């Protein structure tokens, strides 16, 4: 009889003080956003609490890390994507978007090694894309298979062919997003077939 899988270790607790200093309770040392960024890359789970109020501020700290990395030139988030993301705040589809993006990113994370292997075998370790184009490829993978998980983002042929009603800016915007996602899905399906053929 197989032994039960041990539970994952508890997240490391980070405390943020009023002077903006971050304190790692596991190592009893102060850390920086760069340290937390490396912890994320090393798959070390952590939560960040406001030292005074006890409030969980993990989301805002992770967002701050993204802002810092983007400021260093690590441009993973295209401007158009950011604009579209902002436009969903307050929208009636806002409740679906976090799950949609989360599932897409998880799928990309599971497939990233396979994609790296494919690129290395095909191009001898040399990526033939400019840096920006390579990052664009990574962002395309965010939408893989999400179309089959969230039907509101996958219109039928009749709906896709109908133009948005005049004056209905939100509907027109949603149609534009749908068209872009469908185009991304077609490109990803092509890439997936190519990966399968290389096996």
Protein backbone atom coordinates (compact mmCIF):
# COMPACT_ATOMS: atom_id res chain seq x y z
CA UNK A 1 0.00 0.00 0.00
CA UNK A 2 1.41 3.33 -1.06
CA UNK A 3 2.31 5.74 1.70
CA UNK A 4 0.25 8.95 1.81
CA UNK A 5 1.85 11.96 0.19
CA UNK A 6 3.24 14.28 2.87
CA UNK A 7 1.57 17.69 3.01
CA UNK A 8 3.47 20.55 1.41
CA UNK A 9 5.54 22.71 3.76
CA UNK A 10 3.82 25.73 5.25
CA UNK A 11 4.48 29.01 3.44
CA UNK A 12 7.31 31.16 4.74
CA UNK A 13 5.99 34.16 6.64
CA UNK A 14 7.28 37.56 5.62
CA UNK A 15 6.45 40.62 7.70
CA UNK A 16 6.40 44.10 6.23
CA UNK A 17 7.08 46.95 8.62
CA UNK A 18 6.10 50.61 8.45
CA UNK A 19 9.55 51.53 7.17
CA UNK A 20 8.84 49.18 4.19
CA UNK A 21 11.43 46.69 5.36
CA UNK A 22 10.60 43.03 4.80
CA UNK A 23 11.48 40.48 7.46
CA UNK A 24 11.78 36.75 6.73
CA UNK A 25 10.69 34.94 9.90
CA UNK A 26 12.13 31.62 8.67
CA UNK A 27 15.69 32.97 8.37
CA UNK A 28 15.33 35.77 10.95
CA UNK A 29 16.72 38.27 8.47
CA UNK A 30 15.60 41.28 6.47
CA UNK A 31 15.06 40.70 2.76
CA UNK A 32 14.38 42.77 -0.33
CA UNK A 33 11.95 42.46 -3.20
CA UNK A 34 14.78 40.88 -5.19
CA UNK A 35 15.02 38.15 -2.55
CA UNK A 36 11.27 37.52 -2.75
CA UNK A 37 11.50 37.45 -6.55
CA UNK A 38 14.16 34.72 -6.31
CA UNK A 39 12.03 32.81 -3.81
CA UNK A 40 9.21 32.78 -6.36
CA UNK A 41 11.58 31.48 -9.04
CA UNK A 42 12.81 28.81 -6.61
CA UNK A 43 9.19 27.74 -5.94
CA UNK A 44 9.41 28.77 -2.28
CA UNK A 45 5.90 29.64 -1.17
CA UNK A 46 5.50 32.65 1.10
CA UNK A 47 2.88 34.99 2.46
CA UNK A 48 3.42 38.62 3.39
CA UNK A 49 1.66 40.23 6.34
CA UNK A 50 1.56 43.82 7.46
CA UNK A 51 3.49 43.71 10.73
CA UNK A 52 1.16 46.20 12.42
CA UNK A 53 -2.32 45.22 11.23
CA UNK A 54 -1.69 41.54 10.42
CA UNK A 55 -3.35 42.04 7.03
CA UNK A 56 -2.34 39.65 4.23
CA UNK A 57 -0.66 41.89 1.65
CA UNK A 58 0.88 39.12 -0.48
CA UNK A 59 -0.99 40.19 -3.62
CA UNK A 60 0.20 43.80 -3.45
CA UNK A 61 3.80 42.73 -2.78
CA UNK A 62 3.80 40.30 -5.73
CA UNK A 63 2.36 43.07 -7.90
CA UNK A 64 5.15 45.35 -6.70
CA UNK A 65 7.72 42.71 -7.72
CA UNK A 66 6.21 42.63 -11.22
CA UNK A 67 6.39 46.44 -11.43
CA UNK A 68 10.04 46.33 -10.34
CA UNK A 69 10.93 43.66 -12.91
CA UNK A 70 9.11 45.50 -15.68
CA UNK A 71 11.03 48.64 -14.70
CA UNK A 72 14.29 46.75 -15.20
CA UNK A 73 13.36 46.00 -18.80
CA UNK A 74 11.90 42.54 -18.20
CA UNK A 75 8.89 43.36 -20.38
CA UNK A 76 6.67 40.30 -20.19
CA UNK A 77 3.40 42.23 -20.21
CA UNK A 78 2.54 43.84 -23.55
CA UNK A 79 0.93 47.27 -23.39
CA UNK A 80 -2.21 46.07 -25.16
CA UNK A 81 -2.57 43.22 -22.65
CA UNK A 82 -2.26 45.67 -19.76
CA UNK A 83 -4.88 47.97 -21.28
CA UNK A 84 -7.29 45.08 -21.76
CA UNK A 85 -6.64 43.83 -18.24
CA UNK A 86 -7.38 47.25 -16.76
CA UNK A 87 -10.58 47.50 -18.81
CA UNK A 88 -11.97 44.38 -17.08
CA UNK A 89 -11.92 46.02 -13.64
CA UNK A 90 -15.57 46.59 -12.78
CA UNK A 91 -16.75 44.60 -15.80
CA UNK A 92 -19.32 41.83 -15.30
CA UNK A 93 -16.73 39.31 -16.60
CA UNK A 94 -14.22 40.34 -13.95
CA UNK A 95 -15.13 37.35 -11.78
CA UNK A 96 -14.13 34.92 -14.56
CA UNK A 97 -10.84 36.52 -15.58
CA UNK A 98 -8.63 35.54 -12.58
CA UNK A 99 -9.49 31.84 -12.96
CA UNK A 100 -9.05 32.08 -16.73
CA UNK A 101 -5.57 33.59 -16.44
CA UNK A 102 -4.58 31.27 -13.59
CA UNK A 103 -5.48 28.12 -15.56
CA UNK A 104 -3.70 29.41 -18.65
CA UNK A 105 -0.51 30.23 -16.74
CA UNK A 106 -0.53 26.84 -14.99
CA UNK A 107 -0.81 25.12 -18.37
CA UNK A 108 2.07 27.15 -19.75
CA UNK A 109 4.20 26.33 -16.69
CA UNK A 110 3.57 22.60 -17.17
CA UNK A 111 4.56 22.78 -20.84
CA UNK A 112 7.51 25.16 -20.65
CA UNK A 113 10.21 22.47 -20.50
CA UNK A 114 8.69 20.68 -23.47
CA UNK A 115 8.64 23.94 -25.41
CA UNK A 116 12.27 24.68 -24.50
CA UNK A 117 13.30 21.20 -25.67
CA UNK A 118 11.43 21.65 -28.94
CA UNK A 119 13.06 25.02 -29.59
CA UNK A 120 16.53 23.65 -28.77
CA UNK A 121 16.14 20.61 -31.04
CA UNK A 122 14.71 22.67 -33.88
CA UNK A 123 17.07 25.61 -33.77
CA UNK A 124 20.18 24.14 -32.14
CA UNK A 125 19.81 26.16 -28.98
CA UNK A 126 19.55 29.45 -30.88
CA UNK A 127 16.17 31.12 -30.58
CA UNK A 128 15.52 32.74 -33.97
CA UNK A 129 13.31 35.42 -32.49
CA UNK A 130 14.11 38.90 -31.32
CA UNK A 131 13.70 39.38 -27.60
CA UNK A 132 10.33 41.09 -27.89
CA UNK A 133 8.98 38.45 -30.26
CA UNK A 134 10.11 35.69 -27.90
CA UNK A 135 8.24 37.34 -25.04
CA UNK A 136 5.22 37.60 -27.29
CA UNK A 137 5.37 33.84 -27.81
CA UNK A 138 5.36 33.34 -24.05
CA UNK A 139 2.29 35.51 -23.73
CA UNK A 140 0.49 33.56 -26.46
CA UNK A 141 0.79 30.47 -24.27
CA UNK A 142 -1.21 32.17 -21.54
CA UNK A 143 -4.37 31.48 -23.52
CA UNK A 144 -3.81 27.82 -24.42
CA UNK A 145 -6.84 25.61 -23.78
CA UNK A 146 -8.53 28.32 -21.72
CA UNK A 147 -11.04 28.66 -24.56
CA UNK A 148 -12.36 25.19 -23.72
CA UNK A 149 -12.59 25.98 -20.01
CA UNK A 150 -14.49 29.22 -20.16
CA UNK A 151 -17.30 29.23 -22.71
CA UNK A 152 -18.05 32.98 -22.28
CA UNK A 153 -14.76 33.59 -24.08
CA UNK A 154 -15.58 31.24 -26.95
CA UNK A 155 -18.42 32.55 -29.15
CA UNK A 156 -20.10 30.36 -31.72
CA UNK A 157 -19.60 31.07 -35.40
CA UNK A 158 -22.83 33.06 -35.69
CA UNK A 159 -21.98 35.31 -32.74
CA UNK A 160 -18.43 35.84 -33.95
CA UNK A 161 -19.70 36.94 -37.35
CA UNK A 162 -22.13 39.52 -35.97
CA UNK A 163 -20.78 43.06 -35.62
CA UNK A 164 -21.17 44.78 -32.23
CA UNK A 165 -24.25 46.91 -31.72
CA UNK A 166 -23.73 50.58 -32.43
CA UNK A 167 -22.80 52.53 -29.33
CA UNK A 168 -22.14 49.40 -27.30
CA UNK A 169 -18.47 49.92 -26.47
CA UNK A 170 -18.22 47.07 -24.00
CA UNK A 171 -19.62 44.51 -26.44
CA UNK A 172 -17.29 45.72 -29.17
CA UNK A 173 -14.35 45.48 -26.81
CA UNK A 174 -15.30 41.94 -25.82
CA UNK A 175 -15.60 40.92 -29.48
CA UNK A 176 -12.12 42.30 -30.11
CA UNK A 177 -10.72 40.26 -27.20
CA UNK A 178 -12.50 37.15 -28.46
CA UNK A 179 -11.01 37.58 -31.93
CA UNK A 180 -7.52 38.00 -30.52
CA UNK A 181 -7.86 34.95 -28.27
CA UNK A 182 -9.10 32.84 -31.19
CA UNK A 183 -6.10 33.93 -33.26
CA UNK A 184 -3.77 33.05 -30.37
CA UNK A 185 -5.41 29.66 -29.99
CA UNK A 186 -4.88 28.86 -33.67
CA UNK A 187 -1.18 29.72 -33.39
CA UNK A 188 -0.83 27.63 -30.24
CA UNK A 189 -2.57 24.66 -31.82
CA UNK A 190 -0.06 24.83 -34.66
CA UNK A 191 2.84 24.96 -32.19
CA UNK A 192 1.39 22.05 -30.19
CA UNK A 193 1.12 19.91 -33.36
CA UNK A 194 4.72 20.71 -34.22
CA UNK A 195 5.83 19.68 -30.73
CA UNK A 196 3.91 16.42 -31.08
CA UNK A 197 5.56 15.69 -34.42
CA UNK A 198 9.02 16.13 -32.85
CA UNK A 199 8.35 13.37 -30.27
